[in-house]
Amino acid sequence: MFDPIADRVFQMHSLQQTEKTRTQKVVTNFFRGVSVVMVMVAAYMPAAMSLYWTSSSAVGLAQNILLKLPWLRQACRIPPTPRDSPTPFRDMAASVRQKLRRETRKPPAKS
């Protein structure tokens, strides 16, 4: 089963910066490949495994989203980092819009 939820977790982290390092690109693409390979693995697993993987990924995504909230980070006494933003969701939305604009401007690939 392709797990789009897990892919969203990786995408959330990649949206925080405009330019990814080579290592980040390799790791992101590796995990995308693993997600595609999981389709074949999931075909041989009981349905409960797919449910577990999906629910586990959903909980991970929810945890990532919640830990972006500045007031929750303060309540949990998580120390701020230099990359923390007071408006993380606005920043992610702006990054998505910028990324979509870049992708729509790309010329079609030559055959």
PDB file of N, CA and C in Angstrom:
ATOM      1  N   MET A   1       0.846  -1.181   0.000  1.00  0.00           N
ATOM      2  CA  MET A   1       0.000   0.000   0.000  1.00  0.00           C
ATOM      3  C   MET A   1       0.889   1.240   0.000  1.00  0.00           C
ATOM      4  N   PHE A   2       0.684   2.116  -0.940  1.00  0.00           N
ATOM      5  CA  PHE A   2       1.413   3.382  -0.957  1.00  0.00           C
ATOM      6  C   PHE A   2       0.884   4.232   0.180  1.00  0.00           C
ATOM      7  N   ASP A   3       1.774   4.732   0.989  1.00  0.00           N
ATOM      8  CA  ASP A   3       1.354   5.447   2.189  1.00  0.00           C
ATOM      9  C   ASP A   3       1.522   6.951   1.983  1.00  0.00           C
ATOM     10  N   PRO A   4       0.482   7.627   1.497  1.00  0.00           N
ATOM     11  CA  PRO A   4       0.596   9.058   1.252  1.00  0.00           C
ATOM     12  C   PRO A   4       0.742   9.867   2.532  1.00  0.00           C
ATOM     13  N   ILE A   5       0.296   9.312   3.650  1.00  0.00           N
ATOM     14  CA  ILE A   5       0.410  10.045   4.915  1.00  0.00           C
ATOM     15  C   ILE A   5       1.878  10.169   5.309  1.00  0.00           C
ATOM     16  N   ALA A   6       2.624   9.076   5.201  1.00  0.00           N
ATOM     17  CA  ALA A   6       4.051   9.128   5.532  1.00  0.00           C
ATOM     18  C   ALA A   6       4.776  10.090   4.601  1.00  0.00           C
ATOM     19  N   ASP A   7       4.369  10.098   3.330  1.00  0.00           N
ATOM     20  CA  ASP A   7       4.989  11.025   2.388  1.00  0.00           C
ATOM     21  C   ASP A   7       4.729  12.470   2.790  1.00  0.00           C
ATOM     22  N   ARG A   8       3.545  12.761   3.330  1.00  0.00           N
ATOM     23  CA  ARG A   8       3.226  14.122   3.777  1.00  0.00           C
ATOM     24  C   ARG A   8       4.115  14.544   4.940  1.00  0.00           C
ATOM     25  N   VAL A   9       4.468  13.610   5.823  1.00  0.00           N
ATOM     26  CA  VAL A   9       5.372  13.942   6.929  1.00  0.00           C
ATOM     27  C   VAL A   9       6.709  14.409   6.373  1.00  0.00           C
ATOM     28  N   PHE A  10       7.237  13.704   5.388  1.00  0.00           N
ATOM     29  CA  PHE A  10       8.506  14.101   4.778  1.00  0.00           C
ATOM     30  C   PHE A  10       8.354  15.427   4.045  1.00  0.00           C
ATOM     31  N   GLN A  11       7.224  15.619   3.379  1.00  0.00           N
ATOM     32  CA  GLN A  11       6.997  16.864   2.667  1.00  0.00           C
ATOM     33  C   GLN A  11       6.935  18.053   3.621  1.00  0.00           C
ATOM     34  N   MET A  12       6.311  17.858   4.789  1.00  0.00           N
ATOM     35  CA  MET A  12       6.218  18.949   5.770  1.00  0.00           C
ATOM     36  C   MET A  12       7.604  19.441   6.164  1.00  0.00           C
ATOM     37  N   HIS A  13       8.514  18.493   6.392  1.00  0.00           N
ATOM     38  CA  HIS A  13       9.859  18.889   6.788  1.00  0.00           C
ATOM     39  C   HIS A  13      10.614  19.542   5.632  1.00  0.00           C
ATOM     40  N   SER A  14      10.354  19.088   4.433  1.00  0.00           N
ATOM     41  CA  SER A  14      11.066  19.667   3.295  1.00  0.00           C
ATOM     42  C   SER A  14      10.561  21.070   2.965  1.00  0.00           C
ATOM     43  N   LEU A  15       9.350  21.426   3.391  1.00  0.00           N
ATOM     44  CA  LEU A  15       8.809  22.753   3.109  1.00  0.00           C
ATOM     45  C   LEU A  15       9.424  23.828   3.988  1.00  0.00           C
ATOM     46  N   GLN A  16      10.098  23.433   5.044  1.00  0.00           N
ATOM     47  CA  GLN A  16      10.620  24.420   5.974  1.00  0.00           C
ATOM     48  C   GLN A  16      11.810  25.192   5.415  1.00  0.00           C
ATOM     49  N   GLN A  17      12.433  24.667   4.416  1.00  0.00           N
ATOM     50  CA  GLN A  17      13.559  25.402   3.841  1.00  0.00           C
ATOM     51  C   GLN A  17      13.417  25.406   2.324  1.00  0.00           C
ATOM     52  N   THR A  18      13.950  26.444   1.719  1.00  0.00           N
ATOM     53  CA  THR A  18      13.761  26.589   0.285  1.00  0.00           C
ATOM     54  C   THR A  18      14.718  25.696  -0.503  1.00  0.00           C
ATOM     55  N   GLU A  19      15.933  25.565  -0.076  1.00  0.00           N
ATOM     56  CA  GLU A  19      16.922  24.766  -0.800  1.00  0.00           C
ATOM     57  C   GLU A  19      17.315  23.547   0.025  1.00  0.00           C
ATOM     58  N   LYS A  20      17.097  22.354  -0.543  1.00  0.00           N
ATOM     59  CA  LYS A  20      17.444  21.134   0.162  1.00  0.00           C
ATOM     60  C   LYS A  20      18.888  20.740  -0.163  1.00  0.00           C
ATOM     61  N   THR A  21      19.534  20.137   0.814  1.00  0.00           N
ATOM     62  CA  THR A  21      20.878  19.626   0.576  1.00  0.00           C
ATOM     63  C   THR A  21      20.780  18.336  -0.236  1.00  0.00           C
ATOM     64  N   ARG A  22      21.883  17.893  -0.750  1.00  0.00           N
ATOM     65  CA  ARG A  22      21.901  16.654  -1.544  1.00  0.00           C
ATOM     66  C   ARG A  22      21.452  15.477  -0.688  1.00  0.00           C
ATOM     67  N   THR A  23      21.899  15.424   0.568  1.00  0.00           N
ATOM     68  CA  THR A  23      21.531  14.335   1.462  1.00  0.00           C
ATOM     69  C   THR A  23      20.027  14.324   1.707  1.00  0.00           C
ATOM     70  N   GLN A  24      19.437  15.497   1.915  1.00  0.00           N
ATOM     71  CA  GLN A  24      17.992  15.560   2.141  1.00  0.00           C
ATOM     72  C   GLN A  24      17.220  15.085   0.910  1.00  0.00           C
ATOM     73  N   LYS A  25      17.701  15.432  -0.274  1.00  0.00           N
ATOM     74  CA  LYS A  25      17.040  14.975  -1.495  1.00  0.00           C
ATOM     75  C   LYS A  25      17.122  13.458  -1.618  1.00  0.00           C
ATOM     76  N   VAL A  26      18.296  12.893  -1.307  1.00  0.00           N
ATOM     77  CA  VAL A  26      18.474  11.443  -1.397  1.00  0.00           C
ATOM     78  C   VAL A  26      17.561  10.736  -0.396  1.00  0.00           C
ATOM     79  N   VAL A  27      17.531  11.223   0.837  1.00  0.00           N
ATOM     80  CA  VAL A  27      16.709  10.587   1.872  1.00  0.00           C
ATOM     81  C   VAL A  27      15.228  10.687   1.517  1.00  0.00           C
ATOM     82  N   THR A  28      14.793  11.853   1.065  1.00  0.00           N
ATOM     83  CA  THR A  28      13.384  12.026   0.684  1.00  0.00           C
ATOM     84  C   THR A  28      13.007  11.072  -0.440  1.00  0.00           C
ATOM     85  N   ASN A  29      13.831  10.996  -1.471  1.00  0.00           N
ATOM     86  CA  ASN A  29      13.528  10.105  -2.593  1.00  0.00           C
ATOM     87  C   ASN A  29      13.619   8.644  -2.185  1.00  0.00           C
ATOM     88  N   PHE A  30      14.529   8.307  -1.273  1.00  0.00           N
ATOM     89  CA  PHE A  30      14.623   6.929  -0.771  1.00  0.00           C
ATOM     90  C   PHE A  30      13.313   6.522  -0.100  1.00  0.00           C
ATOM     91  N   PHE A  31      12.800   7.387   0.771  1.00  0.00           N
ATOM     92  CA  PHE A  31      11.568   7.044   1.474  1.00  0.00           C
ATOM     93  C   PHE A  31      10.362   7.030   0.538  1.00  0.00           C
ATOM     94  N   ARG A  32      10.384   7.833  -0.503  1.00  0.00           N
ATOM     95  CA  ARG A  32       9.314   7.741  -1.503  1.00  0.00           C
ATOM     96  C   ARG A  32       9.377   6.390  -2.203  1.00  0.00           C
ATOM     97  N   GLY A  33      10.585   5.957  -2.526  1.00  0.00           N
ATOM     98  CA  GLY A  33      10.752   4.637  -3.141  1.00  0.00           C
ATOM     99  C   GLY A  33      10.298   3.520  -2.233  1.00  0.00           C
ATOM    100  N   VAL A  34      10.629   3.632  -0.948  1.00  0.00           N
ATOM    101  CA  VAL A  34      10.198   2.627   0.021  1.00  0.00           C
ATOM    102  C   VAL A  34       8.671   2.579   0.072  1.00  0.00           C
ATOM    103  N   SER A  35       8.029   3.737   0.014  1.00  0.00           N
ATOM    104  CA  SER A  35       6.561   3.776   0.026  1.00  0.00           C
ATOM    105  C   SER A  35       5.980   3.032  -1.173  1.00  0.00           C
ATOM    106  N   VAL A  36       6.595   3.183  -2.330  1.00  0.00           N
ATOM    107  CA  VAL A  36       6.110   2.489  -3.521  1.00  0.00           C
ATOM    108  C   VAL A  36       6.347   0.979  -3.393  1.00  0.00           C
ATOM    109  N   VAL A  37       7.494   0.575  -2.859  1.00  0.00           N
ATOM    110  CA  VAL A  37       7.783  -0.848  -2.674  1.00  0.00           C
ATOM    111  C   VAL A  37       6.805  -1.468  -1.681  1.00  0.00           C
ATOM    112  N   MET A  38       6.320  -0.673  -0.753  1.00  0.00           N
ATOM    113  CA  MET A  38       5.382  -1.195   0.240  1.00  0.00           C
ATOM    114  C   MET A  38       4.085  -1.681  -0.399  1.00  0.00           C
ATOM    115  N   VAL A  39       3.787  -1.227  -1.613  1.00  0.00           N
ATOM    116  CA  VAL A  39       2.594  -1.715  -2.316  1.00  0.00           C
ATOM    117  C   VAL A  39       2.707  -3.219  -2.494  1.00  0.00           C
ATOM    118  N   MET A  40       3.863  -3.669  -2.943  1.00  0.00           N
ATOM    119  CA  MET A  40       4.063  -5.109  -3.153  1.00  0.00           C
ATOM    120  C   MET A  40       4.070  -5.873  -1.833  1.00  0.00           C
ATOM    121  N   VAL A  41       4.683  -5.296  -0.816  1.00  0.00           N
ATOM    122  CA  VAL A  41       4.726  -5.953   0.494  1.00  0.00           C
ATOM    123  C   VAL A  41       3.320  -6.046   1.076  1.00  0.00           C
ATOM    124  N   ALA A  42       2.564  -4.971   0.971  1.00  0.00           N
ATOM    125  CA  ALA A  42       1.217  -4.930   1.541  1.00  0.00           C
ATOM    126  C   ALA A  42       0.281  -5.926   0.855  1.00  0.00           C
ATOM    127  N   ALA A  43       0.558  -6.267  -0.390  1.00  0.00           N
ATOM    128  CA  ALA A  43      -0.295  -7.214  -1.107  1.00  0.00           C
ATOM    129  C   ALA A  43      -0.269  -8.591  -0.461  1.00  0.00           C
ATOM    130  N   TYR A  44       0.803  -8.907   0.236  1.00  0.00           N
ATOM    131  CA  TYR A  44       0.933 -10.209   0.873  1.00  0.00           C
ATOM    132  C   TYR A  44       0.659 -10.174   2.368  1.00  0.00           C
ATOM    133  N   MET A  45       0.332  -9.027   2.887  1.00  0.00           N
ATOM    134  CA  MET A  45       0.075  -8.880   4.322  1.00  0.00           C
ATOM    135  C   MET A  45      -1.420  -8.924   4.599  1.00  0.00           C
ATOM    136  N   PRO A  46      -1.766  -9.329   5.815  1.00  0.00           N
ATOM    137  CA  PRO A  46      -3.189  -9.254   6.189  1.00  0.00           C
ATOM    138  C   PRO A  46      -3.653  -7.798   6.195  1.00  0.00           C
ATOM    139  N   ALA A  47      -4.953  -7.601   6.081  1.00  0.00           N
ATOM    140  CA  ALA A  47      -5.521  -6.255   6.034  1.00  0.00           C
ATOM    141  C   ALA A  47      -5.196  -5.468   7.291  1.00  0.00           C
ATOM    142  N   ALA A  48      -5.040  -6.147   8.407  1.00  0.00           N
ATOM    143  CA  ALA A  48      -4.746  -5.461   9.665  1.00  0.00           C
ATOM    144  C   ALA A  48      -3.403  -4.733   9.599  1.00  0.00           C
ATOM    145  N   MET A  49      -2.452  -5.257   8.847  1.00  0.00           N
ATOM    146  CA  MET A  49      -1.154  -4.588   8.725  1.00  0.00           C
ATOM    147  C   MET A  49      -1.304  -3.263   7.988  1.00  0.00           C
ATOM    148  N   SER A  50      -2.105  -3.249   6.939  1.00  0.00           N
ATOM    149  CA  SER A  50      -2.337  -1.995   6.217  1.00  0.00           C
ATOM    150  C   SER A  50      -3.027  -0.985   7.113  1.00  0.00           C
ATOM    151  N   LEU A  51      -3.977  -1.458   7.905  1.00  0.00           N
ATOM    152  CA  LEU A  51      -4.651  -0.571   8.845  1.00  0.00           C
ATOM    153  C   LEU A  51      -3.662  -0.032   9.870  1.00  0.00           C
ATOM    154  N   TYR A  52      -2.772  -0.880  10.359  1.00  0.00           N
ATOM    155  CA  TYR A  52      -1.758  -0.447  11.330  1.00  0.00           C
ATOM    156  C   TYR A  52      -0.844   0.600  10.702  1.00  0.00           C
ATOM    157  N   TRP A  53      -0.353   0.343   9.500  1.00  0.00           N
ATOM    158  CA  TRP A  53       0.559   1.274   8.855  1.00  0.00           C
ATOM    159  C   TRP A  53      -0.114   2.622   8.619  1.00  0.00           C
ATOM    160  N   THR A  54      -1.355   2.589   8.174  1.00  0.00           N
ATOM    161  CA  THR A  54      -2.072   3.837   7.902  1.00  0.00           C
ATOM    162  C   THR A  54      -2.328   4.611   9.188  1.00  0.00           C
ATOM    163  N   SER A  55      -2.794   3.910  10.220  1.00  0.00           N
ATOM    164  CA  SER A  55      -3.087   4.604  11.483  1.00  0.00           C
ATOM    165  C   SER A  55      -1.800   5.114  12.129  1.00  0.00           C
ATOM    166  N   SER A  56      -0.734   4.358  12.027  1.00  0.00           N
ATOM    167  CA  SER A  56       0.546   4.791  12.586  1.00  0.00           C
ATOM    168  C   SER A  56       1.051   6.045  11.867  1.00  0.00           C
ATOM    169  N   SER A  57       0.924   6.062  10.553  1.00  0.00           N
ATOM    170  CA  SER A  57       1.339   7.235   9.787  1.00  0.00           C
ATOM    171  C   SER A  57       0.467   8.440  10.101  1.00  0.00           C
ATOM    172  N   ALA A  58      -0.825   8.213  10.284  1.00  0.00           N
ATOM    173  CA  ALA A  58      -1.730   9.317  10.619  1.00  0.00           C
ATOM    174  C   ALA A  58      -1.376   9.920  11.975  1.00  0.00           C
ATOM    175  N   VAL A  59      -1.048   9.074  12.941  1.00  0.00           N
ATOM    176  CA  VAL A  59      -0.643   9.566  14.260  1.00  0.00           C
ATOM    177  C   VAL A  59       0.666  10.340  14.146  1.00  0.00           C
ATOM    178  N   GLY A  60       1.603   9.843  13.349  1.00  0.00           N
ATOM    179  CA  GLY A  60       2.869  10.559  13.146  1.00  0.00           C
ATOM    180  C   GLY A  60       2.662  11.920  12.498  1.00  0.00           C
ATOM    181  N   LEU A  61       1.759  11.984  11.519  1.00  0.00           N
ATOM    182  CA  LEU A  61       1.460  13.256  10.868  1.00  0.00           C
ATOM    183  C   LEU A  61       0.811  14.227  11.857  1.00  0.00           C
ATOM    184  N   ALA A  62      -0.138  13.721  12.639  1.00  0.00           N
ATOM    185  CA  ALA A  62      -0.795  14.575  13.640  1.00  0.00           C
ATOM    186  C   ALA A  62       0.219  15.092  14.659  1.00  0.00           C
ATOM    187  N   GLN A  63       1.128  14.233  15.068  1.00  0.00           N
ATOM    188  CA  GLN A  63       2.157  14.640  16.035  1.00  0.00           C
ATOM    189  C   GLN A  63       3.046  15.734  15.434  1.00  0.00           C
ATOM    190  N   ASN A  64       3.435  15.574  14.177  1.00  0.00           N
ATOM    191  CA  ASN A  64       4.256  16.597  13.523  1.00  0.00           C
ATOM    192  C   ASN A  64       3.521  17.922  13.420  1.00  0.00           C
ATOM    193  N   ILE A  65       2.251  17.869  13.096  1.00  0.00           N
ATOM    194  CA  ILE A  65       1.469  19.104  12.978  1.00  0.00           C
ATOM    195  C   ILE A  65       1.318  19.768  14.337  1.00  0.00           C
ATOM    196  N   LEU A  66       0.986  18.973  15.358  1.00  0.00           N
ATOM    197  CA  LEU A  66       0.800  19.544  16.697  1.00  0.00           C
ATOM    198  C   LEU A  66       2.086  20.153  17.234  1.00  0.00           C
ATOM    199  N   LEU A  67       3.216  19.514  16.972  1.00  0.00           N
ATOM    200  CA  LEU A  67       4.479  20.031  17.492  1.00  0.00           C
ATOM    201  C   LEU A  67       4.967  21.261  16.732  1.00  0.00           C
ATOM    202  N   LYS A  68       4.262  21.646  15.680  1.00  0.00           N
ATOM    203  CA  LYS A  68       4.562  22.910  14.999  1.00  0.00           C
ATOM    204  C   LYS A  68       3.941  24.092  15.738  1.00  0.00           C
ATOM    205  N   LEU A  69       2.934  23.836  16.573  1.00  0.00           N
ATOM    206  CA  LEU A  69       2.245  24.905  17.293  1.00  0.00           C
ATOM    207  C   LEU A  69       3.155  25.502  18.357  1.00  0.00           C
ATOM    208  N   PRO A  70       3.465  26.806  18.260  1.00  0.00           N
ATOM    209  CA  PRO A  70       4.382  27.426  19.229  1.00  0.00           C
ATOM    210  C   PRO A  70       3.896  27.323  20.676  1.00  0.00           C
ATOM    211  N   TRP A  71       2.590  27.485  20.912  1.00  0.00           N
ATOM    212  CA  TRP A  71       2.092  27.431  22.294  1.00  0.00           C
ATOM    213  C   TRP A  71       2.204  26.024  22.873  1.00  0.00           C
ATOM    214  N   LEU A  72       2.069  24.990  22.026  1.00  0.00           N
ATOM    215  CA  LEU A  72       2.209  23.615  22.514  1.00  0.00           C
ATOM    216  C   LEU A  72       3.670  23.306  22.818  1.00  0.00           C
ATOM    217  N   ARG A  73       4.565  23.823  21.982  1.00  0.00           N
ATOM    218  CA  ARG A  73       5.996  23.616  22.244  1.00  0.00           C
ATOM    219  C   ARG A  73       6.394  24.261  23.572  1.00  0.00           C
ATOM    220  N   GLN A  74       5.848  25.438  23.855  1.00  0.00           N
ATOM    221  CA  GLN A  74       6.135  26.095  25.137  1.00  0.00           C
ATOM    222  C   GLN A  74       5.544  25.313  26.293  1.00  0.00           C
ATOM    223  N   ALA A  75       4.313  24.812  26.131  1.00  0.00           N
ATOM    224  CA  ALA A  75       3.654  24.051  27.195  1.00  0.00           C
ATOM    225  C   ALA A  75       4.405  22.763  27.510  1.00  0.00           C
ATOM    226  N   CYS A  76       5.007  22.162  26.484  1.00  0.00           N
ATOM    227  CA  CYS A  76       5.774  20.923  26.678  1.00  0.00           C
ATOM    228  C   CYS A  76       7.228  21.203  27.041  1.00  0.00           C
ATOM    229  N   ARG A  77       7.563  22.482  27.157  1.00  0.00           N
ATOM    230  CA  ARG A  77       8.926  22.921  27.489  1.00  0.00           C
ATOM    231  C   ARG A  77       9.968  22.424  26.486  1.00  0.00           C
ATOM    232  N   ILE A  78       9.601  22.488  25.231  1.00  0.00           N
ATOM    233  CA  ILE A  78      10.539  22.152  24.158  1.00  0.00           C
ATOM    234  C   ILE A  78      11.304  23.425  23.840  1.00  0.00           C
ATOM    235  N   PRO A  79      12.621  23.406  23.986  1.00  0.00           N
ATOM    236  CA  PRO A  79      13.381  24.643  23.753  1.00  0.00           C
ATOM    237  C   PRO A  79      13.303  25.074  22.289  1.00  0.00           C
ATOM    238  N   PRO A  80      13.246  26.384  22.062  1.00  0.00           N
ATOM    239  CA  PRO A  80      13.190  26.876  20.676  1.00  0.00           C
ATOM    240  C   PRO A  80      14.511  26.636  19.958  1.00  0.00           C
ATOM    241  N   THR A  81      14.410  26.466  18.660  1.00  0.00           N
ATOM    242  CA  THR A  81      15.601  26.317  17.825  1.00  0.00           C
ATOM    243  C   THR A  81      15.718  27.545  16.936  1.00  0.00           C
ATOM    244  N   PRO A  82      16.869  27.773  16.351  1.00  0.00           N
ATOM    245  CA  PRO A  82      17.027  28.949  15.484  1.00  0.00           C
ATOM    246  C   PRO A  82      16.076  28.951  14.282  1.00  0.00           C
ATOM    247  N   ARG A  83      15.643  27.766  13.843  1.00  0.00           N
ATOM    248  CA  ARG A  83      14.768  27.683  12.670  1.00  0.00           C
ATOM    249  C   ARG A  83      13.291  27.815  13.014  1.00  0.00           C
ATOM    250  N   ASP A  84      12.934  27.871  14.286  1.00  0.00           N
ATOM    251  CA  ASP A  84      11.524  27.985  14.676  1.00  0.00           C
ATOM    252  C   ASP A  84      10.935  29.289  14.172  1.00  0.00           C
ATOM    253  N   SER A  85       9.698  29.208  13.734  1.00  0.00           N
ATOM    254  CA  SER A  85       8.995  30.377  13.230  1.00  0.00           C
ATOM    255  C   SER A  85       7.784  30.647  14.119  1.00  0.00           C
ATOM    256  N   PRO A  86       7.446  31.907  14.347  1.00  0.00           N
ATOM    257  CA  PRO A  86       6.235  32.192  15.113  1.00  0.00           C
ATOM    258  C   PRO A  86       4.967  31.865  14.315  1.00  0.00           C
ATOM    259  N   THR A  87       5.083  31.762  12.995  1.00  0.00           N
ATOM    260  CA  THR A  87       3.935  31.427  12.142  1.00  0.00           C
ATOM    261  C   THR A  87       4.284  30.251  11.228  1.00  0.00           C
ATOM    262  N   PRO A  88       4.436  29.047  11.787  1.00  0.00           N
ATOM    263  CA  PRO A  88       4.895  27.915  10.967  1.00  0.00           C
ATOM    264  C   PRO A  88       3.925  27.514   9.859  1.00  0.00           C
ATOM    265  N   PHE A  89       2.619  27.603  10.103  1.00  0.00           N
ATOM    266  CA  PHE A  89       1.664  27.165   9.091  1.00  0.00           C
ATOM    267  C   PHE A  89       1.567  28.157   7.940  1.00  0.00           C
ATOM    268  N   ARG A  90       1.675  29.436   8.243  1.00  0.00           N
ATOM    269  CA  ARG A  90       1.709  30.438   7.166  1.00  0.00           C
ATOM    270  C   ARG A  90       2.958  30.247   6.311  1.00  0.00           C
ATOM    271  N   ASP A  91       4.073  29.965   6.982  1.00  0.00           N
ATOM    272  CA  ASP A  91       5.320  29.744   6.253  1.00  0.00           C
ATOM    273  C   ASP A  91       5.218  28.519   5.337  1.00  0.00           C
ATOM    274  N   MET A  92       4.605  27.443   5.849  1.00  0.00           N
ATOM    275  CA  MET A  92       4.445  26.237   5.030  1.00  0.00           C
ATOM    276  C   MET A  92       3.516  26.513   3.848  1.00  0.00           C
ATOM    277  N   ALA A  93       2.425  27.248   4.082  1.00  0.00           N
ATOM    278  CA  ALA A  93       1.499  27.576   2.994  1.00  0.00           C
ATOM    279  C   ALA A  93       2.200  28.428   1.932  1.00  0.00           C
ATOM    280  N   ALA A  94       2.989  29.395   2.367  1.00  0.00           N
ATOM    281  CA  ALA A  94       3.728  30.231   1.417  1.00  0.00           C
ATOM    282  C   ALA A  94       4.730  29.386   0.633  1.00  0.00           C
ATOM    283  N   SER A  95       5.364  28.439   1.302  1.00  0.00           N
ATOM    284  CA  SER A  95       6.328  27.568   0.639  1.00  0.00           C
ATOM    285  C   SER A  95       5.637  26.676  -0.392  1.00  0.00           C
ATOM    286  N   VAL A  96       4.446  26.172  -0.055  1.00  0.00           N
ATOM    287  CA  VAL A  96       3.694  25.341  -1.002  1.00  0.00           C
ATOM    288  C   VAL A  96       3.312  26.166  -2.227  1.00  0.00           C
ATOM    289  N   ARG A  97       2.813  27.383  -1.997  1.00  0.00           N
ATOM    290  CA  ARG A  97       2.444  28.250  -3.128  1.00  0.00           C
ATOM    291  C   ARG A  97       3.656  28.529  -4.016  1.00  0.00           C
ATOM    292  N   GLN A  98       4.797  28.811  -3.398  1.00  0.00           N
ATOM    293  CA  GLN A  98       6.008  29.088  -4.167  1.00  0.00           C
ATOM    294  C   GLN A  98       6.437  27.855  -4.964  1.00  0.00           C
ATOM    295  N   LYS A  99       6.363  26.692  -4.333  1.00  0.00           N
ATOM    296  CA  LYS A  99       6.751  25.457  -5.002  1.00  0.00           C
ATOM    297  C   LYS A  99       5.817  25.165  -6.175  1.00  0.00           C
ATOM    298  N   LEU A 100       4.516  25.396  -5.985  1.00  0.00           N
ATOM    299  CA  LEU A 100       3.561  25.170  -7.072  1.00  0.00           C
ATOM    300  C   LEU A 100       3.803  26.135  -8.225  1.00  0.00           C
ATOM    301  N   ARG A 101       4.144  27.375  -7.911  1.00  0.00           N
ATOM    302  CA  ARG A 101       4.435  28.352  -8.968  1.00  0.00           C
ATOM    303  C   ARG A 101       5.655  27.919  -9.779  1.00  0.00           C
ATOM    304  N   ARG A 102       6.692  27.430  -9.066  1.00  0.00           N
ATOM    305  CA  ARG A 102       7.904  26.981  -9.754  1.00  0.00           C
ATOM    306  C   ARG A 102       7.604  25.808 -10.669  1.00  0.00           C
ATOM    307  N   GLU A 103       6.759  24.864 -10.198  1.00  0.00           N
ATOM    308  CA  GLU A 103       6.460  23.675 -10.996  1.00  0.00           C
ATOM    309  C   GLU A 103       5.603  24.015 -12.212  1.00  0.00           C
ATOM    310  N   THR A 104       4.723  25.009 -12.089  1.00  0.00           N
ATOM    311  CA  THR A 104       3.894  25.372 -13.237  1.00  0.00           C
ATOM    312  C   THR A 104       4.691  26.150 -14.271  1.00  0.00           C
ATOM    313  N   ARG A 105       5.778  26.765 -13.877  1.00  0.00           N
ATOM    314  CA  ARG A 105       6.610  27.534 -14.820  1.00  0.00           C
ATOM    315  C   ARG A 105       7.633  26.676 -15.554  1.00  0.00           C
ATOM    316  N   LYS A 106       7.864  25.445 -15.081  1.00  0.00           N
ATOM    317  CA  LYS A 106       8.862  24.599 -15.715  1.00  0.00           C
ATOM    318  C   LYS A 106       8.433  24.270 -17.148  1.00  0.00           C
ATOM    319  N   PRO A 107       9.376  24.353 -18.093  1.00  0.00           N
ATOM    320  CA  PRO A 107       9.032  23.980 -19.472  1.00  0.00           C
ATOM    321  C   PRO A 107       8.864  22.468 -19.553  1.00  0.00           C
ATOM    322  N   PRO A 108       8.049  21.991 -20.492  1.00  0.00           N
ATOM    323  CA  PRO A 108       7.858  20.541 -20.632  1.00  0.00           C
ATOM    324  C   PRO A 108       9.166  19.855 -21.008  1.00  0.00           C
ATOM    325  N   ALA A 109       9.337  18.631 -20.497  1.00  0.00           N
ATOM    326  CA  ALA A 109      10.557  17.871 -20.773  1.00  0.00           C
ATOM    327  C   ALA A 109      10.598  17.479 -22.238  1.00  0.00           C
ATOM    328  N   LYS A 110      11.791  17.546 -22.812  1.00  0.00           N
ATOM    329  CA  LYS A 110      11.958  17.164 -24.212  1.00  0.00           C
ATOM    330  C   LYS A 110      12.079  15.659 -24.304  1.00  0.00           C
ATOM    331  N   SER A 111      11.452  15.104 -25.328  1.00  0.00           N
ATOM    332  CA  SER A 111      11.465  13.640 -25.519  1.00  0.00           C
ATOM    333  C   SER A 111      12.675  13.216 -26.285  1.00  0.00           C
TER     334      SER A 111
END
